[in-house]
Amino acid sequence: MVNVKKGGELDMTECMTLASHFKDLAKQGLVDVKFYVRNLDEAVSEQVCSEVNALYAARSAGKIKALNFEDSRRANT
């Protein structure tokens, strides 16, 4: 669903914003993204897209911290 503002300007939905972000990331080499949603009966696309957009916004703002639980099965190189 696309909302149209007065004057004919498009108001981007959360999913449109996320799709635009992924398009930019694809130009940088992104190949695939998957989202595992626990309860599909309660999940709404716009809500999922909103959450993912919030994660990317936090990342861009430097509000994230890498976590290392030292439980990786991959060899450290």
N, C-alpha and C. Protein backbone atom coordinates (compact mmCIF):
# COMPACT_ATOMS: atom_id res chain seq x y z
N MET A 1 0.84 -1.18 0.00
CA MET A 1 0.00 0.00 0.00
C MET A 1 0.88 1.24 0.00
N VAL A 2 0.60 2.17 -0.86
CA VAL A 2 1.34 3.42 -0.94
C VAL A 2 0.41 4.55 -0.53
N ASN A 3 0.88 5.35 0.39
CA ASN A 3 0.10 6.51 0.81
C ASN A 3 0.52 7.70 -0.04
N VAL A 4 -0.45 8.49 -0.44
CA VAL A 4 -0.18 9.68 -1.24
C VAL A 4 -0.49 10.90 -0.40
N LYS A 5 0.52 11.77 -0.26
CA LYS A 5 0.36 13.01 0.49
C LYS A 5 -0.35 14.03 -0.38
N LYS A 6 -0.81 15.09 0.26
CA LYS A 6 -1.40 16.19 -0.50
C LYS A 6 -0.37 16.72 -1.48
N GLY A 7 -0.78 17.01 -2.67
CA GLY A 7 0.13 17.48 -3.70
C GLY A 7 0.67 16.35 -4.56
N GLY A 8 0.20 15.11 -4.30
CA GLY A 8 0.59 13.98 -5.12
C GLY A 8 1.91 13.34 -4.76
N GLU A 9 2.56 13.80 -3.69
CA GLU A 9 3.84 13.23 -3.28
C GLU A 9 3.63 11.87 -2.61
N LEU A 10 4.47 10.90 -2.95
CA LEU A 10 4.34 9.56 -2.37
C LEU A 10 4.94 9.51 -0.97
N ASP A 11 4.23 8.85 -0.08
CA ASP A 11 4.71 8.60 1.27
C ASP A 11 5.16 7.14 1.30
N MET A 12 6.47 6.90 1.44
CA MET A 12 7.00 5.55 1.37
C MET A 12 6.59 4.74 2.60
N THR A 13 6.18 3.51 2.36
CA THR A 13 5.87 2.60 3.44
C THR A 13 7.17 2.05 3.99
N GLU A 14 7.10 1.37 5.13
CA GLU A 14 8.29 0.75 5.73
C GLU A 14 8.91 -0.27 4.76
N CYS A 15 8.07 -1.06 4.11
CA CYS A 15 8.59 -2.08 3.19
C CYS A 15 9.21 -1.45 1.95
N MET A 16 8.67 -0.35 1.49
CA MET A 16 9.27 0.35 0.35
C MET A 16 10.63 0.92 0.73
N THR A 17 10.72 1.45 1.94
CA THR A 17 11.99 1.99 2.44
C THR A 17 13.03 0.88 2.53
N LEU A 18 12.63 -0.27 3.07
CA LEU A 18 13.54 -1.40 3.20
C LEU A 18 13.97 -1.92 1.82
N ALA A 19 13.04 -2.02 0.90
CA ALA A 19 13.36 -2.48 -0.46
C ALA A 19 14.38 -1.54 -1.11
N SER A 20 14.23 -0.26 -0.89
CA SER A 20 15.17 0.72 -1.44
C SER A 20 16.56 0.52 -0.82
N HIS A 21 16.58 0.27 0.49
CA HIS A 21 17.85 0.04 1.18
C HIS A 21 18.53 -1.22 0.63
N PHE A 22 17.76 -2.29 0.44
CA PHE A 22 18.33 -3.53 -0.08
C PHE A 22 18.80 -3.37 -1.51
N LYS A 23 18.13 -2.52 -2.28
CA LYS A 23 18.57 -2.26 -3.65
C LYS A 23 19.95 -1.61 -3.64
N ASP A 24 20.15 -0.67 -2.71
CA ASP A 24 21.45 -0.03 -2.57
C ASP A 24 22.51 -1.04 -2.12
N LEU A 25 22.14 -1.92 -1.18
CA LEU A 25 23.09 -2.93 -0.70
C LEU A 25 23.43 -3.94 -1.79
N ALA A 26 22.47 -4.25 -2.66
CA ALA A 26 22.73 -5.17 -3.77
C ALA A 26 23.80 -4.61 -4.70
N LYS A 27 23.79 -3.31 -4.88
CA LYS A 27 24.83 -2.68 -5.70
C LYS A 27 26.21 -2.83 -5.08
N GLN A 28 26.24 -3.04 -3.76
CA GLN A 28 27.50 -3.23 -3.03
C GLN A 28 27.85 -4.71 -2.87
N GLY A 29 27.01 -5.60 -3.43
CA GLY A 29 27.33 -7.01 -3.40
C GLY A 29 26.40 -7.89 -2.58
N LEU A 30 25.39 -7.32 -1.94
CA LEU A 30 24.44 -8.13 -1.19
C LEU A 30 23.76 -9.11 -2.13
N VAL A 31 23.72 -10.37 -1.74
CA VAL A 31 23.14 -11.40 -2.59
C VAL A 31 21.79 -11.87 -2.07
N ASP A 32 21.67 -12.08 -0.77
CA ASP A 32 20.45 -12.69 -0.23
C ASP A 32 20.24 -12.23 1.20
N VAL A 33 18.98 -12.11 1.58
CA VAL A 33 18.59 -11.77 2.95
C VAL A 33 17.41 -12.64 3.32
N LYS A 34 17.45 -13.17 4.52
CA LYS A 34 16.32 -13.98 5.01
C LYS A 34 15.89 -13.47 6.37
N PHE A 35 14.60 -13.53 6.62
CA PHE A 35 14.05 -13.18 7.92
C PHE A 35 13.26 -14.36 8.42
N TYR A 36 13.57 -14.79 9.61
CA TYR A 36 12.84 -15.89 10.22
C TYR A 36 11.89 -15.30 11.25
N VAL A 37 10.61 -15.42 10.96
CA VAL A 37 9.57 -14.86 11.83
C VAL A 37 8.95 -16.00 12.62
N ARG A 38 8.94 -15.84 13.92
CA ARG A 38 8.48 -16.92 14.79
C ARG A 38 7.01 -17.25 14.58
N ASN A 39 6.15 -16.26 14.54
CA ASN A 39 4.72 -16.51 14.46
C ASN A 39 4.14 -15.79 13.24
N LEU A 40 3.98 -16.51 12.15
CA LEU A 40 3.49 -15.90 10.91
C LEU A 40 2.05 -15.40 11.03
N ASP A 41 1.28 -15.98 11.96
CA ASP A 41 -0.11 -15.54 12.12
C ASP A 41 -0.19 -14.15 12.72
N GLU A 42 0.83 -13.74 13.47
CA GLU A 42 0.82 -12.42 14.11
C GLU A 42 1.68 -11.40 13.39
N ALA A 43 2.54 -11.86 12.50
CA ALA A 43 3.46 -10.95 11.82
C ALA A 43 2.76 -10.23 10.69
N VAL A 44 2.97 -8.94 10.61
CA VAL A 44 2.45 -8.12 9.53
C VAL A 44 3.66 -7.56 8.79
N SER A 45 3.62 -7.60 7.47
CA SER A 45 4.77 -7.19 6.67
C SER A 45 5.31 -5.83 7.08
N GLU A 46 4.45 -4.87 7.24
CA GLU A 46 4.91 -3.52 7.59
C GLU A 46 5.60 -3.50 8.95
N GLN A 47 5.13 -4.32 9.88
CA GLN A 47 5.77 -4.38 11.20
C GLN A 47 7.16 -4.99 11.09
N VAL A 48 7.29 -6.06 10.33
CA VAL A 48 8.59 -6.70 10.14
C VAL A 48 9.55 -5.73 9.46
N CYS A 49 9.10 -5.08 8.42
CA CYS A 49 9.94 -4.10 7.71
C CYS A 49 10.33 -2.95 8.63
N SER A 50 9.42 -2.52 9.47
CA SER A 50 9.70 -1.44 10.42
C SER A 50 10.79 -1.84 11.39
N GLU A 51 10.73 -3.06 11.90
CA GLU A 51 11.75 -3.56 12.83
C GLU A 51 13.12 -3.64 12.15
N VAL A 52 13.15 -4.13 10.92
CA VAL A 52 14.41 -4.24 10.20
C VAL A 52 14.97 -2.85 9.90
N ASN A 53 14.10 -1.92 9.52
CA ASN A 53 14.55 -0.54 9.28
C ASN A 53 15.13 0.06 10.55
N ALA A 54 14.51 -0.22 11.69
CA ALA A 54 15.01 0.30 12.97
C ALA A 54 16.39 -0.28 13.29
N LEU A 55 16.60 -1.55 12.96
CA LEU A 55 17.92 -2.16 13.17
C LEU A 55 18.98 -1.49 12.30
N TYR A 56 18.66 -1.27 11.03
CA TYR A 56 19.61 -0.61 10.14
C TYR A 56 19.87 0.84 10.58
N ALA A 57 18.84 1.52 11.06
CA ALA A 57 19.02 2.90 11.54
C ALA A 57 19.94 2.93 12.76
N ALA A 58 19.75 1.98 13.68
CA ALA A 58 20.62 1.90 14.85
C ALA A 58 22.05 1.61 14.44
N ARG A 59 22.21 0.74 13.46
CA ARG A 59 23.56 0.42 12.96
C ARG A 59 24.22 1.65 12.36
N SER A 60 23.47 2.40 11.55
CA SER A 60 24.00 3.60 10.92
C SER A 60 24.38 4.67 11.94
N ALA A 61 23.63 4.71 13.06
CA ALA A 61 23.87 5.70 14.10
C ALA A 61 24.95 5.24 15.09
N GLY A 62 25.51 4.06 14.86
CA GLY A 62 26.55 3.57 15.75
C GLY A 62 26.03 3.09 17.10
N LYS A 63 24.78 2.74 17.15
CA LYS A 63 24.16 2.32 18.40
C LYS A 63 24.11 0.80 18.54
N ILE A 64 25.10 0.13 17.98
CA ILE A 64 25.15 -1.33 18.07
C ILE A 64 26.48 -1.74 18.67
N LYS A 65 26.52 -2.95 19.17
CA LYS A 65 27.74 -3.51 19.72
C LYS A 65 27.85 -4.95 19.25
N ALA A 66 29.01 -5.30 18.73
CA ALA A 66 29.22 -6.67 18.29
C ALA A 66 29.27 -7.59 19.50
N LEU A 67 28.58 -8.70 19.39
CA LEU A 67 28.57 -9.68 20.46
C LEU A 67 29.36 -10.90 20.04
N ASN A 68 30.20 -11.40 20.92
CA ASN A 68 30.97 -12.60 20.63
C ASN A 68 30.77 -13.56 21.79
N PHE A 69 29.99 -14.60 21.56
CA PHE A 69 29.72 -15.58 22.59
C PHE A 69 30.74 -16.72 22.56
N GLU A 70 31.72 -16.61 21.64
CA GLU A 70 32.77 -17.60 21.48
C GLU A 70 32.21 -19.02 21.32
N ASP A 71 31.11 -19.12 20.60
CA ASP A 71 30.50 -20.43 20.36
C ASP A 71 30.46 -20.78 18.88
N SER A 72 31.25 -20.08 18.10
CA SER A 72 31.28 -20.33 16.67
C SER A 72 31.90 -21.68 16.38
N ARG A 73 31.37 -22.36 15.38
CA ARG A 73 31.92 -23.64 14.96
C ARG A 73 33.01 -23.44 13.91
N ARG A 74 33.14 -22.21 13.44
CA ARG A 74 34.16 -21.93 12.44
C ARG A 74 35.51 -21.75 13.13
N ALA A 75 36.55 -22.14 12.43
CA ALA A 75 37.90 -21.98 12.98
C ALA A 75 38.28 -20.51 12.96
N ASN A 76 38.89 -20.07 14.01
CA ASN A 76 39.39 -18.68 14.05
C ASN A 76 40.64 -18.60 13.20
N THR A 77 40.66 -17.62 12.32
CA THR A 77 41.84 -17.46 11.46
C THR A 77 42.45 -16.12 11.67
